[in-house]
Amino acid sequence: MSPVRGASASGAPASAPSSTARPARPSEVGTRRELTVGQIAHGGFCVARDEGRVVFVRHALPGERVLARITDDSHDRYWRADAVEILEPSPDRVPAPCPHAGPGACGGCDWQHATPAAQRRGKAEVVIEALRRFGGVDVGPLVVEAVAPEPSGVEPSGGLDGVDGLDWRTRMRFAVTADGQIGLRASRSHEVLATPDCRIAHPLVRAALADRRFPAAAVVEVAVSPASDAVAVEVHTGGAPGGGTRVGTARAGAARGSAAGRDGGGGTASGAPDAPDAPIGAGRIVEVVGRRSFAVGPGVFWQVHAAAPKVLVDAVRTALRPQPGEIALDLYAGAGLFAAFLAEDVGPSGRVVAMESEAAAVAAAADNLADLPQVSLRAVRVTPATVRGVLGTGPSAGRVGCAVLDPPRAGAGAEVVAALLGHHPRAVAYVACDPVALGRDLATFRARGYTMTALRAFDLFPMTHHVECVALFEPTVR
């Protein structure tokens, strides 16, 4: 336990500060500053300056003059603030469609106050700056592509469709308020705000949770599939995913308004009760991408935008152009999304090696890829050593033709990238959910003799600061 402020670790009063110690300054949190807002920064802020100090301002737009309330002054070099009054608005400002957006409110969205077009322009600027600063490459003009979600047959919220930034998120993790309502946390806070009508949640998510109450302090995970009209709801009573019990799992048809199981107890759409204290992760739903189906549990990684899997698969296949008979790698394979389509492209005479370490994802991938004997699924962590040895040794090992990298937010890292490039693939598709991580790994590709020859960016997380990129790397022509 940390010692109480003002006391030593032994419980004795802390010694008085020396005469040379910097005097404590009064807190500026809660005070207000009139600021002129500059460019968008990665993370959902805009940059302003107050007497030379950088201030990261939420709920503002470039070019605006705002009255900002300081929310964090704990850093000497920068502060954080919320724009609480807009003195000179940007032409890109719009009323937030979500009632939970705004200063001091839900932290799930960053750009509810900006037009969708302005959001995409801002994300393009963030990607360009990240790749310039961290990767040393000027990518020039970049268009972040809008993506509409798959139709669901359920009325969208507010009369807007997903290309306008609403109704797209098919996988949600909610906290629960003291009175049992689902909610999300306030920005940079542990406070849970009731958000049963979250506007970026897919309509099937909202329908599955309508009028339900859950145990206080639980974690509620919801996954829906518009293509198969299925929904899974897992309630983790231990307070975090992976702990406690699954209170209830709904299945196909529940998202259309079935009342079964809405009391938060064990129940399915058909009314059949779940086994008490059933193990978490037992329920899966079917996701459909093109002509293939993927069974994925709520706890297994899957893209959260309804249209993202197909959009990304198409982008990767277009970039890599996998050839029949080729050896392809899928690093961080998850439930087998990219491996399945790479296997179709390389055909029976080719080979796909898919690497994934998370146990539930490996189990899902094993089922999803069972009809593709040309796929070799490795239940191992992606490390420099495992990547170097991925094909084994000897003349029969073969040579990597192409590879797809879809790493977690932190990126693949220099050593993994170097190990992959040691196989001399003719093409690598890098799927990145963080432009800074992509920039860092881009620098390694360049140092190892590869050039980024194509880049696409997709707005798969509207209203938030997140953006998905697909970069193609090929050997530098000398």
Protein backbone atom coordinates (compact mmCIF):
# COMPACT_ATOMS: atom_id res chain seq x y z
CA MET A 1 0.00 0.00 0.00
CA SER A 2 1.31 3.46 -0.81
CA PRO A 3 2.11 5.68 2.17
CA VAL A 4 -0.47 8.35 3.01
CA ARG A 5 0.36 11.71 1.49
CA GLY A 6 2.21 13.81 4.05
CA ALA A 7 3.63 10.80 5.91
CA SER A 8 6.73 8.69 5.46
CA ALA A 9 6.52 5.00 4.56
CA SER A 10 6.85 4.18 8.27
CA GLY A 11 3.88 6.36 9.12
CA ALA A 12 5.95 9.17 10.64
CA PRO A 13 5.28 12.73 9.43
CA ALA A 14 7.26 13.57 6.33
CA SER A 15 10.28 15.76 6.83
CA ALA A 16 9.96 19.41 5.93
CA PRO A 17 11.15 20.33 2.43
CA SER A 18 14.63 21.70 2.12
CA SER A 19 15.13 25.38 1.48
CA THR A 20 16.25 24.59 -2.07
CA ALA A 21 13.12 22.58 -3.00
CA ARG A 22 10.79 24.15 -5.55
CA PRO A 23 7.80 25.73 -3.78
CA ALA A 24 4.52 24.02 -4.55
CA ARG A 25 2.47 26.04 -7.03
CA PRO A 26 -1.29 26.36 -6.74
CA SER A 27 -3.25 23.89 -8.80
CA GLU A 28 -4.65 25.26 -12.04
CA VAL A 29 -7.18 22.44 -12.44
CA GLY A 30 -10.63 23.95 -12.89
CA THR A 31 -9.36 27.35 -13.96
CA ARG A 32 -10.25 28.66 -17.40
CA ARG A 33 -8.13 29.97 -20.24
CA GLU A 34 -9.10 31.67 -23.48
CA LEU A 35 -7.19 29.79 -26.19
CA THR A 36 -6.80 29.82 -29.94
CA VAL A 37 -6.78 26.21 -31.12
CA GLY A 38 -4.23 24.83 -33.57
CA GLN A 39 -3.75 21.51 -35.33
CA ILE A 40 -5.19 18.12 -34.43
CA ALA A 41 -2.90 15.85 -32.40
CA HIS A 42 -2.94 12.06 -32.16
CA GLY A 43 -5.24 10.99 -29.34
CA GLY A 44 -8.34 13.10 -29.89
CA PHE A 45 -6.96 16.51 -28.95
CA CYS A 46 -6.14 19.76 -30.63
CA VAL A 47 -2.99 21.69 -29.74
CA ALA A 48 -3.12 25.17 -28.23
CA ARG A 49 -0.59 27.30 -26.35
CA ASP A 50 -0.94 29.29 -23.18
CA GLU A 51 2.02 31.59 -22.47
CA GLY A 52 4.31 29.15 -24.26
CA ARG A 53 2.99 25.99 -22.60
CA VAL A 54 1.34 23.36 -24.79
CA VAL A 55 -2.29 22.65 -23.90
CA PHE A 56 -4.02 19.57 -25.35
CA VAL A 57 -7.66 20.56 -25.73
CA ARG A 58 -10.56 18.13 -26.15
CA HIS A 59 -13.90 19.08 -27.70
CA ALA A 60 -12.28 21.78 -29.88
CA LEU A 61 -11.49 22.09 -33.59
CA PRO A 62 -8.59 23.73 -35.44
CA GLY A 63 -8.97 27.47 -35.83
CA GLU A 64 -11.49 27.90 -33.02
CA ARG A 65 -11.22 30.37 -30.17
CA VAL A 66 -12.47 28.67 -27.03
CA LEU A 67 -12.77 29.04 -23.30
CA ALA A 68 -11.02 25.95 -21.96
CA ARG A 69 -11.15 24.47 -18.46
CA ILE A 70 -7.86 22.97 -17.27
CA THR A 71 -8.35 19.30 -16.36
CA ASP A 72 -4.74 18.20 -15.75
CA ASP A 73 -1.75 20.38 -14.80
CA SER A 74 0.47 17.60 -13.46
CA HIS A 75 3.04 17.92 -16.24
CA ASP A 76 5.50 20.78 -16.51
CA ARG A 77 5.65 20.70 -20.31
CA TYR A 78 1.96 20.43 -21.11
CA TRP A 79 -1.52 20.60 -19.64
CA ARG A 80 -4.84 19.07 -20.64
CA ALA A 81 -8.11 20.96 -20.97
CA ASP A 82 -11.71 20.73 -22.16
CA ALA A 83 -13.27 23.38 -24.39
CA VAL A 84 -16.33 24.37 -22.35
CA GLU A 85 -17.39 27.39 -24.38
CA ILE A 86 -16.86 28.02 -28.09
CA LEU A 87 -16.21 31.71 -28.69
CA GLU A 88 -15.47 31.47 -32.42
CA PRO A 89 -16.65 28.14 -33.89
CA SER A 90 -15.15 26.32 -36.84
CA PRO A 91 -17.37 25.83 -39.91
CA ASP A 92 -16.76 22.11 -39.36
CA ARG A 93 -18.49 22.13 -35.96
CA VAL A 94 -21.87 20.38 -35.62
CA PRO A 95 -24.11 19.59 -32.64
CA ALA A 96 -23.03 16.27 -31.12
CA PRO A 97 -25.59 13.58 -32.08
CA CYS A 98 -24.93 11.72 -28.81
CA PRO A 99 -26.37 13.14 -25.56
CA HIS A 100 -23.42 11.68 -23.64
CA ALA A 101 -20.72 13.55 -25.55
CA GLY A 102 -19.05 16.69 -24.28
CA PRO A 103 -16.78 18.05 -21.54
CA GLY A 104 -16.80 15.92 -18.42
CA ALA A 105 -18.99 13.28 -20.08
CA CYS A 106 -18.37 9.95 -21.82
CA GLY A 107 -14.80 9.38 -22.93
CA GLY A 108 -15.64 6.89 -25.67
CA CYS A 109 -15.81 9.38 -28.55
CA ASP A 110 -13.48 12.24 -29.43
CA TRP A 111 -15.05 13.97 -32.43
CA GLN A 112 -18.84 13.98 -32.02
CA HIS A 113 -18.68 17.76 -32.51
CA ALA A 114 -17.07 17.56 -35.99
CA THR A 115 -18.54 16.71 -39.38
CA PRO A 116 -17.58 13.25 -40.65
CA ALA A 117 -15.58 14.84 -43.48
CA ALA A 118 -13.65 17.00 -41.01
CA GLN A 119 -12.95 13.95 -38.85
CA ARG A 120 -11.45 12.13 -41.81
CA ARG A 121 -9.34 15.11 -42.85
CA GLY A 122 -8.02 15.37 -39.31
CA LYS A 123 -7.18 11.67 -39.19
CA ALA A 124 -5.32 11.99 -42.49
CA GLU A 125 -3.23 14.82 -41.02
CA VAL A 126 -2.43 12.68 -37.96
CA VAL A 127 -1.31 9.73 -40.13
CA ILE A 128 0.82 11.97 -42.36
CA GLU A 129 2.53 13.59 -39.36
CA ALA A 130 3.11 10.26 -37.58
CA LEU A 131 4.74 8.67 -40.61
CA ARG A 132 6.87 11.76 -41.21
CA ARG A 133 7.96 12.10 -37.60
CA PHE A 134 8.48 8.46 -36.67
CA GLY A 135 9.07 6.82 -40.05
CA GLY A 136 10.93 9.56 -41.87
CA VAL A 137 8.59 9.40 -44.88
CA ASP A 138 6.47 12.14 -46.43
CA VAL A 139 3.42 10.36 -47.81
CA GLY A 140 1.93 13.53 -49.26
CA PRO A 141 -1.87 13.87 -49.64
CA LEU A 142 -3.87 11.07 -48.04
CA VAL A 143 -7.58 10.36 -48.17
CA VAL A 144 -9.11 8.49 -45.24
CA GLU A 145 -11.84 6.40 -46.82
CA ALA A 146 -15.36 6.42 -45.38
CA VAL A 147 -16.86 2.99 -44.73
CA ALA A 148 -20.57 2.30 -44.30
CA PRO A 149 -21.58 -0.61 -42.04
CA GLU A 150 -23.42 -3.63 -43.31
CA PRO A 151 -27.23 -3.22 -43.29
CA SER A 152 -28.93 -4.78 -40.28
CA GLY A 153 -32.65 -4.39 -40.79
CA VAL A 154 -32.87 -2.49 -37.50
CA GLU A 155 -33.62 1.22 -37.56
CA PRO A 156 -30.45 3.33 -37.09
CA SER A 157 -30.34 6.02 -34.42
CA GLY A 158 -30.99 9.66 -35.13
CA GLY A 159 -31.89 9.07 -38.75
CA LEU A 160 -28.21 8.79 -39.67
CA ASP A 161 -26.43 5.80 -41.17
CA GLY A 162 -23.02 4.48 -40.22
CA VAL A 163 -21.16 6.44 -42.91
CA ASP A 164 -22.11 9.50 -40.84
CA GLY A 165 -20.36 7.98 -37.86
CA LEU A 166 -23.15 6.19 -35.97
CA ASP A 167 -24.42 2.62 -35.54
CA TRP A 168 -21.23 0.85 -36.61
CA ARG A 169 -19.70 -0.82 -33.54
CA THR A 170 -20.62 -4.50 -33.30
CA ARG A 171 -18.46 -5.37 -30.27
CA MET A 172 -18.72 -3.40 -27.05
CA ARG A 173 -17.42 -3.75 -23.53
CA PHE A 174 -19.56 -1.93 -20.97
CA ALA A 175 -19.08 -1.22 -17.31
CA VAL A 176 -22.13 -1.25 -15.03
CA THR A 177 -23.41 1.58 -12.84
CA ALA A 178 -24.39 1.18 -9.20
CA ASP A 179 -28.05 0.79 -10.21
CA GLY A 180 -27.32 -1.88 -12.84
CA GLN A 181 -27.30 0.12 -16.08
CA ILE A 182 -24.68 -0.44 -18.75
CA GLY A 183 -22.28 2.42 -19.13
CA LEU A 184 -18.96 3.77 -20.33
CA ARG A 185 -16.34 5.67 -18.38
CA ALA A 186 -15.87 9.40 -18.38
CA SER A 187 -12.75 10.69 -20.10
CA ARG A 188 -9.59 9.87 -18.09
CA SER A 189 -11.74 8.72 -15.18
CA HIS A 190 -13.05 5.60 -13.45
CA GLU A 191 -16.52 7.13 -13.19
CA VAL A 192 -19.14 5.05 -15.02
CA LEU A 193 -21.81 6.97 -16.91
CA ALA A 194 -25.01 5.22 -17.96
CA THR A 195 -25.02 4.99 -21.77
CA PRO A 196 -27.77 2.53 -22.77
CA ASP A 197 -28.35 4.53 -25.96
CA CYS A 198 -24.69 4.72 -27.08
CA ARG A 199 -24.94 6.12 -30.60
CA ILE A 200 -21.90 4.41 -32.12
CA ALA A 201 -23.11 0.99 -30.93
CA HIS A 202 -24.70 -1.08 -33.67
CA PRO A 203 -28.53 -1.11 -33.41
CA LEU A 204 -28.37 -4.85 -32.68
CA VAL A 205 -26.20 -4.13 -29.62
CA ARG A 206 -28.68 -1.62 -28.28
CA ALA A 207 -31.63 -3.93 -28.97
CA ALA A 208 -29.93 -6.84 -27.19
CA LEU A 209 -29.38 -4.79 -24.02
CA ALA A 210 -32.57 -2.74 -23.99
CA ASP A 211 -34.24 -2.54 -20.56
CA ARG A 212 -31.75 -4.97 -18.96
CA ARG A 213 -30.10 -4.61 -15.57
CA PHE A 214 -26.82 -6.24 -14.56
CA PRO A 215 -24.89 -6.82 -11.34
CA ALA A 216 -23.17 -3.67 -10.14
CA ALA A 217 -19.45 -3.49 -10.97
CA ALA A 218 -19.75 -6.27 -13.56
CA VAL A 219 -18.27 -6.09 -17.05
CA VAL A 220 -20.69 -6.73 -19.92
CA GLU A 221 -19.28 -7.83 -23.27
CA VAL A 222 -21.56 -7.80 -26.30
CA ALA A 223 -20.87 -9.11 -29.79
CA VAL A 224 -23.34 -9.05 -32.66
CA SER A 225 -23.19 -10.19 -36.26
CA PRO A 226 -25.46 -8.28 -38.65
CA ALA A 227 -24.82 -10.87 -41.37
CA SER A 228 -26.02 -13.83 -39.28
CA ASP A 229 -28.43 -11.92 -37.01
CA ALA A 230 -26.69 -13.31 -33.93
CA VAL A 231 -25.80 -11.78 -30.58
CA ALA A 232 -23.77 -12.94 -27.61
CA VAL A 233 -23.83 -11.23 -24.23
CA GLU A 234 -21.35 -12.19 -21.53
CA VAL A 235 -21.54 -10.78 -18.02
CA HIS A 236 -18.31 -11.07 -16.07
CA THR A 237 -19.24 -10.79 -12.44
CA GLY A 238 -15.61 -10.86 -11.36
CA GLY A 239 -15.31 -7.26 -12.53
CA ALA A 240 -13.08 -7.91 -15.54
CA PRO A 241 -13.08 -10.10 -18.66
CA GLY A 242 -11.77 -13.52 -17.78
CA GLY A 243 -13.03 -13.45 -14.21
CA GLY A 244 -16.27 -14.45 -12.55
CA THR A 245 -19.07 -16.23 -14.38
CA ARG A 246 -21.04 -15.81 -17.58
CA VAL A 247 -24.48 -14.83 -16.37
CA GLY A 248 -26.21 -15.16 -19.72
CA THR A 249 -25.65 -15.65 -23.44
CA ALA A 250 -28.27 -14.77 -26.06
CA ARG A 251 -28.13 -16.35 -29.48
CA ALA A 252 -29.58 -15.85 -32.94
CA GLY A 253 -32.70 -13.72 -33.06
CA ALA A 254 -32.25 -12.03 -29.67
CA ALA A 255 -31.14 -8.82 -31.31
CA ARG A 256 -34.49 -8.45 -33.03
CA GLY A 257 -36.25 -7.75 -29.80
CA SER A 258 -36.78 -11.06 -28.04
CA ALA A 259 -37.64 -10.45 -24.39
CA ALA A 260 -36.04 -13.69 -23.19
CA GLY A 261 -33.18 -13.28 -20.77
CA ARG A 262 -33.60 -9.52 -20.34
CA ASP A 263 -33.49 -9.67 -16.58
CA GLY A 264 -29.73 -10.22 -16.70
CA GLY A 265 -30.02 -13.80 -15.52
CA GLY A 266 -29.18 -16.89 -17.53
CA GLY A 267 -31.36 -17.08 -20.59
CA THR A 268 -31.22 -17.42 -24.35
CA ALA A 269 -33.36 -16.13 -27.16
CA SER A 270 -35.20 -19.42 -27.20
CA GLY A 271 -35.93 -19.25 -23.48
CA ALA A 272 -33.69 -22.19 -22.59
CA PRO A 273 -31.67 -21.37 -19.48
CA ASP A 274 -27.88 -21.37 -19.53
CA ALA A 275 -26.12 -23.71 -17.15
CA PRO A 276 -25.39 -21.88 -13.89
CA ASP A 277 -21.83 -20.58 -13.56
CA ALA A 278 -21.04 -21.62 -17.12
CA PRO A 279 -17.44 -21.00 -18.13
CA ILE A 280 -16.76 -17.66 -19.78
CA GLY A 281 -16.17 -17.83 -23.51
CA ALA A 282 -18.49 -20.79 -24.13
CA GLY A 283 -20.69 -18.82 -26.55
CA ARG A 284 -19.69 -18.01 -30.14
CA ILE A 285 -21.43 -16.14 -32.88
CA VAL A 286 -20.99 -16.55 -36.61
CA GLU A 287 -19.40 -13.72 -38.59
CA VAL A 288 -19.77 -13.81 -42.37
CA VAL A 289 -17.11 -12.34 -44.66
CA GLY A 290 -17.65 -12.84 -48.35
CA ARG A 291 -18.49 -16.52 -48.82
CA ARG A 292 -16.83 -17.69 -45.60
CA SER A 293 -18.14 -17.99 -42.06
CA PHE A 294 -16.10 -17.47 -38.90
CA ALA A 295 -17.21 -18.59 -35.43
CA VAL A 296 -15.86 -16.07 -32.93
CA GLY A 297 -16.51 -15.71 -29.21
CA PRO A 298 -17.00 -12.29 -27.60
CA GLY A 299 -13.57 -12.46 -25.97
CA VAL A 300 -11.68 -13.19 -29.21
CA PHE A 301 -10.36 -10.27 -31.23
CA TRP A 302 -12.52 -9.36 -34.19
CA GLN A 303 -12.80 -6.04 -35.97
CA VAL A 304 -15.49 -3.93 -34.30
CA HIS A 305 -16.81 -2.13 -37.38
CA ALA A 306 -19.43 -4.21 -39.14
CA ALA A 307 -17.81 -3.81 -42.56
CA ALA A 308 -14.16 -3.82 -41.45
CA PRO A 309 -13.30 -7.51 -41.99
CA LYS A 310 -14.27 -7.45 -45.67
CA VAL A 311 -12.75 -4.02 -46.26
CA LEU A 312 -9.42 -5.06 -44.76
CA VAL A 313 -9.35 -8.47 -46.44
CA ASP A 314 -9.95 -6.83 -49.82
CA ALA A 315 -7.24 -4.24 -49.15
CA VAL A 316 -4.70 -6.88 -48.09
CA ARG A 317 -5.40 -9.17 -51.03
CA THR A 318 -5.22 -6.28 -53.48
CA ALA A 319 -1.90 -5.17 -52.01
CA LEU A 320 -0.23 -8.59 -51.75
CA ARG A 321 -1.54 -10.25 -54.92
CA PRO A 322 -0.92 -13.75 -53.47
CA GLN A 323 0.10 -16.24 -56.14
CA PRO A 324 -0.91 -19.90 -56.53
CA GLY A 325 1.69 -22.17 -54.99
CA GLU A 326 3.21 -19.40 -52.87
CA ILE A 327 4.09 -19.54 -49.17
CA ALA A 328 2.30 -16.82 -47.20
CA LEU A 329 2.62 -15.82 -43.55
CA ASP A 330 -0.13 -14.45 -41.31
CA LEU A 331 1.42 -13.06 -38.16
CA TYR A 332 -0.98 -12.25 -35.27
CA ALA A 333 -3.59 -14.38 -37.03
CA GLY A 334 -6.42 -14.01 -34.50
CA ALA A 335 -9.46 -16.07 -35.47
CA GLY A 336 -8.01 -16.79 -38.93
CA LEU A 337 -9.53 -13.99 -41.00
CA PHE A 338 -6.58 -13.21 -43.28
CA ALA A 339 -5.22 -16.77 -43.30
CA ALA A 340 -8.47 -18.09 -44.75
CA PHE A 341 -8.40 -15.81 -47.76
CA LEU A 342 -4.65 -16.11 -48.27
CA ALA A 343 -5.21 -19.87 -48.39
CA GLU A 344 -7.81 -19.47 -51.12
CA ASP A 345 -5.37 -17.35 -53.13
CA VAL A 346 -2.31 -19.62 -52.84
CA GLY A 347 -4.45 -22.67 -53.46
CA PRO A 348 -3.86 -26.34 -52.59
CA SER A 349 -0.31 -26.20 -53.93
CA GLY A 350 0.56 -23.25 -51.69
CA ARG A 351 1.01 -22.91 -47.97
CA VAL A 352 -0.09 -20.46 -45.30
CA VAL A 353 1.57 -20.36 -41.88
CA ALA A 354 -0.60 -18.57 -39.31
CA MET A 355 0.82 -17.60 -35.91
CA GLU A 356 -1.32 -16.73 -32.88
CA SER A 357 -0.74 -17.15 -29.14
CA GLU A 358 -4.05 -16.26 -27.45
CA ALA A 359 -5.69 -19.57 -26.54
CA ALA A 360 -9.30 -18.68 -27.37
CA ALA A 361 -8.27 -17.17 -30.72
CA VAL A 362 -6.22 -20.27 -31.58
CA ALA A 363 -9.22 -22.50 -30.83
CA ALA A 364 -11.46 -20.33 -33.01
CA ALA A 365 -8.90 -20.27 -35.83
CA ALA A 366 -8.52 -24.06 -35.70
CA ASP A 367 -12.25 -24.44 -36.34
CA ASN A 368 -12.46 -21.63 -38.91
CA LEU A 369 -9.54 -22.97 -40.96
CA ALA A 370 -10.29 -26.69 -40.64
CA ASP A 371 -11.37 -27.00 -44.29
CA LEU A 372 -8.08 -25.52 -45.56
CA PRO A 373 -5.34 -28.16 -45.29
CA GLN A 374 -2.80 -25.76 -46.79
CA VAL A 375 -2.94 -23.69 -43.57
CA SER A 376 -0.50 -24.53 -40.80
CA LEU A 377 -1.71 -22.94 -37.54
CA ARG A 378 1.01 -22.31 -34.95
CA ALA A 379 -0.08 -21.66 -31.35
CA VAL A 380 2.97 -19.54 -30.53
CA ARG A 381 3.76 -15.93 -29.68
CA VAL A 382 5.09 -13.82 -32.52
CA THR A 383 8.70 -13.23 -31.49
CA PRO A 384 11.92 -12.74 -33.43
CA ALA A 385 12.83 -16.39 -32.75
CA THR A 386 9.49 -17.87 -33.81
CA VAL A 387 9.42 -15.73 -36.94
CA ARG A 388 12.97 -16.67 -37.90
CA GLY A 389 12.15 -20.38 -37.52
CA VAL A 390 8.66 -20.26 -39.00
CA LEU A 391 9.53 -22.40 -42.05
CA GLY A 392 11.97 -24.75 -40.38
CA THR A 393 15.30 -25.57 -42.00
CA GLY A 394 16.58 -27.53 -44.94
CA PRO A 395 15.99 -27.39 -48.69
CA SER A 396 12.32 -28.35 -48.33
CA ALA A 397 11.53 -25.38 -46.08
CA GLY A 398 10.67 -23.13 -49.00
CA ARG A 399 10.71 -19.35 -49.22
CA VAL A 400 8.18 -16.81 -48.03
CA GLY A 401 6.41 -15.09 -50.89
CA CYS A 402 4.21 -12.65 -49.02
CA ALA A 403 3.10 -11.85 -45.48
CA VAL A 404 0.45 -9.96 -43.58
CA LEU A 405 1.14 -8.29 -40.24
CA ASP A 406 -1.83 -7.28 -38.07
CA PRO A 407 -0.13 -6.53 -34.74
CA PRO A 408 -1.65 -5.12 -31.55
CA ARG A 409 -1.71 -1.38 -31.00
CA ALA A 410 1.94 -1.24 -29.90
CA GLY A 411 3.05 -2.48 -33.32
CA ALA A 412 5.23 -5.41 -34.35
CA GLY A 413 8.51 -3.91 -33.15
CA ALA A 414 11.89 -3.61 -34.84
CA GLU A 415 13.11 -7.11 -34.00
CA VAL A 416 10.03 -8.91 -35.30
CA VAL A 417 10.05 -6.83 -38.49
CA ALA A 418 13.73 -7.58 -39.00
CA ALA A 419 13.13 -11.31 -38.48
CA LEU A 420 10.31 -11.29 -41.02
CA LEU A 421 12.36 -9.43 -43.61
CA GLY A 422 15.12 -11.98 -43.12
CA HIS A 423 12.87 -14.30 -45.17
CA HIS A 424 13.01 -11.78 -48.07
CA PRO A 425 9.27 -11.70 -48.87
CA ARG A 426 8.39 -9.99 -52.11
CA ALA A 427 5.54 -8.12 -50.39
CA VAL A 428 4.33 -7.40 -46.84
CA ALA A 429 0.90 -5.94 -45.97
CA TYR A 430 0.93 -4.19 -42.60
CA VAL A 431 -2.49 -3.59 -40.98
CA ALA A 432 -2.10 -0.85 -38.37
CA CYS A 433 -4.56 0.56 -35.88
CA ASP A 434 -2.04 3.12 -34.57
CA PRO A 435 -0.19 5.44 -36.97
CA VAL A 436 2.63 6.10 -34.51
CA ALA A 437 3.38 2.36 -34.19
CA LEU A 438 3.21 2.07 -37.98
CA GLY A 439 5.67 4.96 -38.27
CA ARG A 440 8.15 3.30 -35.94
CA ASP A 441 7.96 0.00 -37.78
CA LEU A 442 8.14 1.83 -41.11
CA ALA A 443 11.57 3.10 -40.08
CA THR A 444 12.72 -0.50 -39.60
CA PHE A 445 11.39 -1.53 -43.02
CA ARG A 446 13.34 1.32 -44.60
CA ALA A 447 16.52 0.43 -42.73
CA ARG A 448 16.18 -3.18 -43.93
CA GLY A 449 15.81 -2.29 -47.59
CA TYR A 450 12.02 -2.12 -48.01
CA THR A 451 9.94 0.77 -49.29
CA MET A 452 6.32 1.60 -48.50
CA THR A 453 4.86 1.49 -52.00
CA ALA A 454 1.18 1.93 -51.14
CA LEU A 455 -0.89 3.22 -48.23
CA ARG A 456 -4.63 3.23 -47.63
CA ALA A 457 -6.45 4.56 -44.58
CA PHE A 458 -9.99 3.69 -43.51
CA ASP A 459 -12.34 5.43 -41.09
CA LEU A 460 -13.32 2.24 -39.26
CA PHE A 461 -13.74 4.05 -35.92
CA PRO A 462 -15.90 7.12 -36.66
CA MET A 463 -16.35 9.69 -33.89
CA THR A 464 -13.14 8.45 -32.25
CA HIS A 465 -9.52 9.39 -32.94
CA HIS A 466 -8.65 5.90 -34.16
CA VAL A 467 -7.89 5.15 -37.81
CA GLU A 468 -6.94 1.91 -39.58
CA CYS A 469 -4.17 1.81 -42.20
CA VAL A 470 -3.01 -0.84 -44.65
CA ALA A 471 0.54 -0.27 -45.87
CA LEU A 472 2.31 -2.28 -48.55
CA PHE A 473 6.08 -2.81 -48.26
CA GLU A 474 8.22 -4.15 -51.09
CA PRO A 475 11.99 -4.48 -51.56
CA THR A 476 13.58 -1.21 -52.56
CA VAL A 477 14.59 -1.14 -56.20
CA ARG A 478 18.23 -0.11 -56.42
